Amino acid sequence: MKLTKSIILITAVTVAISSFAFIKHRQSNMFKHIVCFKFKQGISDADRQKHIQYFAALKDSIPEIVAYEGGEAEKVSYESTADYDYVHIVTIKSKEDSEKYFHHPAHKRFIEANKASWANVFVINTNSGE
């Protein structure tokens, strides 16, 4: 009986460790899509908010998006920063899924609805696990 409990415990611990390692591996191999926007001079606060809310809502329309973060670009005294106003960071399941994200109708609608407000766009893509 004691041996059986020990075997069950060892098996449970092994499964838990394996599951954690798999989850950690899956999270670390996510694809990050970082988009920096410079708004045109003189755009309204309403257009700026429309852009921010529309991009943030993409996570609800595009299933490949795992997570979303966004915020104002901050200037700091200790380094030269690019002249961008807002940064969006999208975590996508894989590089392959980034193609689905890019061509998704919701993403295309976002671009069409907001591109008139942009002076410049800078994009960085990275695999966060590599």
C-alpha atoms as a PDB file:
ATOM      1  CA  MET A   1       0.000   0.000   0.000  1.00  0.00           C
ATOM      2  CA  LYS A   2       2.837   2.378   0.928  1.00  0.00           C
ATOM      3  CA  LEU A   3       4.656   1.517  -2.317  1.00  0.00           C
ATOM      4  CA  THR A   4       1.502   2.189  -4.350  1.00  0.00           C
ATOM      5  CA  LYS A   5       1.045   5.628  -2.734  1.00  0.00           C
ATOM      6  CA  SER A   6       4.695   6.428  -3.430  1.00  0.00           C
ATOM      7  CA  ILE A   7       4.351   5.419  -7.078  1.00  0.00           C
ATOM      8  CA  ILE A   8       1.194   7.515  -7.435  1.00  0.00           C
ATOM      9  CA  LEU A   9       2.895  10.513  -5.823  1.00  0.00           C
ATOM     10  CA  ILE A  10       5.996  10.185  -8.021  1.00  0.00           C
ATOM     11  CA  THR A  11       3.812   9.854 -11.110  1.00  0.00           C
ATOM     12  CA  ALA A  12       1.758  12.928 -10.150  1.00  0.00           C
ATOM     13  CA  VAL A  13       4.889  15.006  -9.539  1.00  0.00           C
ATOM     14  CA  THR A  14       6.407  13.866 -12.842  1.00  0.00           C
ATOM     15  CA  VAL A  15       3.230  14.780 -14.750  1.00  0.00           C
ATOM     16  CA  ALA A  16       3.067  18.182 -13.029  1.00  0.00           C
ATOM     17  CA  ILE A  17       6.708  18.967 -13.848  1.00  0.00           C
ATOM     18  CA  SER A  18       6.266  17.821 -17.450  1.00  0.00           C
ATOM     19  CA  SER A  19       3.121  19.927 -17.835  1.00  0.00           C
ATOM     20  CA  PHE A  20       4.846  22.989 -16.397  1.00  0.00           C
ATOM     21  CA  ALA A  21       7.820  22.510 -18.734  1.00  0.00           C
ATOM     22  CA  PHE A  22       5.490  22.176 -21.733  1.00  0.00           C
ATOM     23  CA  ILE A  23       3.512  25.294 -20.780  1.00  0.00           C
ATOM     24  CA  LYS A  24       6.718  27.249 -20.155  1.00  0.00           C
ATOM     25  CA  HIS A  25       8.076  26.121 -23.537  1.00  0.00           C
ATOM     26  CA  ARG A  26       4.839  27.120 -25.307  1.00  0.00           C
ATOM     27  CA  GLN A  27       4.857  30.549 -23.659  1.00  0.00           C
ATOM     28  CA  SER A  28       8.505  31.172 -24.426  1.00  0.00           C
ATOM     29  CA  ASN A  29       8.062  30.475 -28.135  1.00  0.00           C
ATOM     30  CA  MET A  30       5.390  33.099 -28.668  1.00  0.00           C
ATOM     31  CA  PHE A  31       5.727  35.602 -31.500  1.00  0.00           C
ATOM     32  CA  LYS A  32       5.728  39.304 -30.558  1.00  0.00           C
ATOM     33  CA  HIS A  33       4.441  41.938 -32.970  1.00  0.00           C
ATOM     34  CA  ILE A  34       5.425  45.424 -31.793  1.00  0.00           C
ATOM     35  CA  VAL A  35       3.918  48.387 -33.627  1.00  0.00           C
ATOM     36  CA  CYS A  36       4.872  52.009 -32.952  1.00  0.00           C
ATOM     37  CA  PHE A  37       2.687  54.807 -34.300  1.00  0.00           C
ATOM     38  CA  LYS A  38       3.422  58.492 -34.823  1.00  0.00           C
ATOM     39  CA  PHE A  39       0.156  60.363 -35.234  1.00  0.00           C
ATOM     40  CA  LYS A  40      -0.175  63.177 -37.728  1.00  0.00           C
ATOM     41  CA  GLN A  41       0.087  66.608 -36.227  1.00  0.00           C
ATOM     42  CA  GLY A  42      -3.312  68.064 -35.411  1.00  0.00           C
ATOM     43  CA  ILE A  43      -5.364  64.859 -35.244  1.00  0.00           C
ATOM     44  CA  SER A  44      -8.207  65.047 -32.790  1.00  0.00           C
ATOM     45  CA  ASP A  45      -8.243  63.311 -29.416  1.00  0.00           C
ATOM     46  CA  ALA A  46     -11.284  61.402 -30.679  1.00  0.00           C
ATOM     47  CA  ASP A  47      -9.314  60.013 -33.647  1.00  0.00           C
ATOM     48  CA  ARG A  48      -6.433  59.118 -31.360  1.00  0.00           C
ATOM     49  CA  GLN A  49      -8.761  57.288 -28.966  1.00  0.00           C
ATOM     50  CA  LYS A  50     -10.497  55.546 -31.879  1.00  0.00           C
ATOM     51  CA  HIS A  51      -7.116  54.203 -33.019  1.00  0.00           C
ATOM     52  CA  ILE A  52      -6.146  53.000 -29.520  1.00  0.00           C
ATOM     53  CA  GLN A  53      -9.486  51.344 -28.769  1.00  0.00           C
ATOM     54  CA  TYR A  54      -9.782  49.783 -32.228  1.00  0.00           C
ATOM     55  CA  PHE A  55      -6.308  48.208 -32.023  1.00  0.00           C
ATOM     56  CA  ALA A  56      -6.884  46.939 -28.475  1.00  0.00           C
ATOM     57  CA  ALA A  57     -10.179  45.356 -29.593  1.00  0.00           C
ATOM     58  CA  LEU A  58      -8.373  43.245 -32.217  1.00  0.00           C
ATOM     59  CA  LYS A  59      -7.649  40.697 -29.466  1.00  0.00           C
ATOM     60  CA  ASP A  60     -11.389  39.994 -29.306  1.00  0.00           C
ATOM     61  CA  SER A  61     -11.693  39.447 -33.069  1.00  0.00           C
ATOM     62  CA  ILE A  62      -8.499  37.629 -34.019  1.00  0.00           C
ATOM     63  CA  PRO A  63      -8.097  34.243 -32.316  1.00  0.00           C
ATOM     64  CA  GLU A  64      -4.345  34.040 -32.965  1.00  0.00           C
ATOM     65  CA  ILE A  65      -3.769  36.926 -30.526  1.00  0.00           C
ATOM     66  CA  VAL A  66      -2.800  35.521 -27.135  1.00  0.00           C
ATOM     67  CA  ALA A  67      -2.186  38.828 -25.346  1.00  0.00           C
ATOM     68  CA  TYR A  68      -2.224  42.571 -25.959  1.00  0.00           C
ATOM     69  CA  GLU A  69      -0.451  45.494 -24.303  1.00  0.00           C
ATOM     70  CA  GLY A  70      -0.402  49.124 -25.320  1.00  0.00           C
ATOM     71  CA  GLY A  71       0.706  52.471 -24.015  1.00  0.00           C
ATOM     72  CA  GLU A  72       2.001  55.937 -24.676  1.00  0.00           C
ATOM     73  CA  ALA A  73       5.607  56.058 -25.851  1.00  0.00           C
ATOM     74  CA  GLU A  74       7.679  57.600 -23.078  1.00  0.00           C
ATOM     75  CA  LYS A  75      10.749  59.745 -23.531  1.00  0.00           C
ATOM     76  CA  VAL A  76      13.536  59.314 -21.007  1.00  0.00           C
ATOM     77  CA  SER A  77      16.613  61.383 -20.292  1.00  0.00           C
ATOM     78  CA  TYR A  78      19.175  58.590 -20.489  1.00  0.00           C
ATOM     79  CA  GLU A  79      18.666  57.471 -24.089  1.00  0.00           C
ATOM     80  CA  SER A  80      17.570  58.764 -27.428  1.00  0.00           C
ATOM     81  CA  THR A  81      14.089  57.479 -28.151  1.00  0.00           C
ATOM     82  CA  ALA A  82      12.261  57.459 -31.457  1.00  0.00           C
ATOM     83  CA  ASP A  83       9.600  60.028 -32.021  1.00  0.00           C
ATOM     84  CA  TYR A  84       6.510  57.817 -31.713  1.00  0.00           C
ATOM     85  CA  ASP A  85       3.324  58.454 -29.797  1.00  0.00           C
ATOM     86  CA  TYR A  86       1.821  55.052 -29.072  1.00  0.00           C
ATOM     87  CA  VAL A  87       3.112  51.473 -28.908  1.00  0.00           C
ATOM     88  CA  HIS A  88       1.050  48.290 -29.302  1.00  0.00           C
ATOM     89  CA  ILE A  89       2.496  44.888 -28.406  1.00  0.00           C
ATOM     90  CA  VAL A  90       0.621  41.827 -29.606  1.00  0.00           C
ATOM     91  CA  THR A  91       1.587  38.304 -28.581  1.00  0.00           C
ATOM     92  CA  ILE A  92       0.700  35.746 -31.227  1.00  0.00           C
ATOM     93  CA  LYS A  93       0.902  31.967 -30.952  1.00  0.00           C
ATOM     94  CA  SER A  94       3.517  31.547 -33.698  1.00  0.00           C
ATOM     95  CA  LYS A  95       5.203  33.177 -36.649  1.00  0.00           C
ATOM     96  CA  GLU A  96       2.840  31.247 -38.915  1.00  0.00           C
ATOM     97  CA  ASP A  97      -0.160  32.631 -37.026  1.00  0.00           C
ATOM     98  CA  SER A  98       1.197  36.150 -37.513  1.00  0.00           C
ATOM     99  CA  GLU A  99       0.337  35.753 -41.206  1.00  0.00           C
ATOM    100  CA  LYS A 100      -3.252  34.923 -40.255  1.00  0.00           C
ATOM    101  CA  TYR A 101      -3.303  37.954 -37.932  1.00  0.00           C
ATOM    102  CA  PHE A 102      -1.939  40.265 -40.628  1.00  0.00           C
ATOM    103  CA  HIS A 103      -4.439  39.163 -43.270  1.00  0.00           C
ATOM    104  CA  HIS A 104      -7.418  38.898 -40.899  1.00  0.00           C
ATOM    105  CA  PRO A 105     -10.369  41.080 -41.997  1.00  0.00           C
ATOM    106  CA  ALA A 106     -10.491  42.810 -38.573  1.00  0.00           C
ATOM    107  CA  HIS A 107      -6.834  43.863 -38.944  1.00  0.00           C
ATOM    108  CA  LYS A 108      -7.480  45.144 -42.463  1.00  0.00           C
ATOM    109  CA  ARG A 109     -10.501  47.121 -41.201  1.00  0.00           C
ATOM    110  CA  PHE A 110      -8.348  48.650 -38.445  1.00  0.00           C
ATOM    111  CA  ILE A 111      -5.804  49.832 -41.016  1.00  0.00           C
ATOM    112  CA  GLU A 112      -8.426  51.288 -43.351  1.00  0.00           C
ATOM    113  CA  ALA A 113     -10.261  53.049 -40.516  1.00  0.00           C
ATOM    114  CA  ASN A 114      -7.145  54.618 -38.979  1.00  0.00           C
ATOM    115  CA  LYS A 115      -4.356  55.058 -41.551  1.00  0.00           C
ATOM    116  CA  ALA A 116      -5.320  58.664 -42.277  1.00  0.00           C
ATOM    117  CA  SER A 117      -4.227  59.527 -38.701  1.00  0.00           C
ATOM    118  CA  TRP A 118      -0.695  58.131 -39.000  1.00  0.00           C
ATOM    119  CA  ALA A 119       2.410  60.087 -39.879  1.00  0.00           C
ATOM    120  CA  ASN A 120       4.676  57.057 -39.455  1.00  0.00           C
ATOM    121  CA  VAL A 121       4.532  53.405 -38.432  1.00  0.00           C
ATOM    122  CA  PHE A 122       7.450  51.281 -37.198  1.00  0.00           C
ATOM    123  CA  VAL A 123       7.080  47.506 -36.768  1.00  0.00           C
ATOM    124  CA  ILE A 124       9.307  44.979 -35.010  1.00  0.00           C
ATOM    125  CA  ASN A 125       8.579  41.240 -35.012  1.00  0.00           C
ATOM    126  CA  THR A 126      10.386  38.819 -32.730  1.00  0.00           C
ATOM    127  CA  ASN A 127      10.146  35.278 -31.480  1.00  0.00           C
ATOM    128  CA  SER A 128      10.271  35.731 -27.722  1.00  0.00           C
ATOM    129  CA  GLY A 129      11.627  32.235 -27.135  1.00  0.00           C
ATOM    130  CA  GLU A 130      14.689  32.435 -29.316  1.00  0.00           C
END
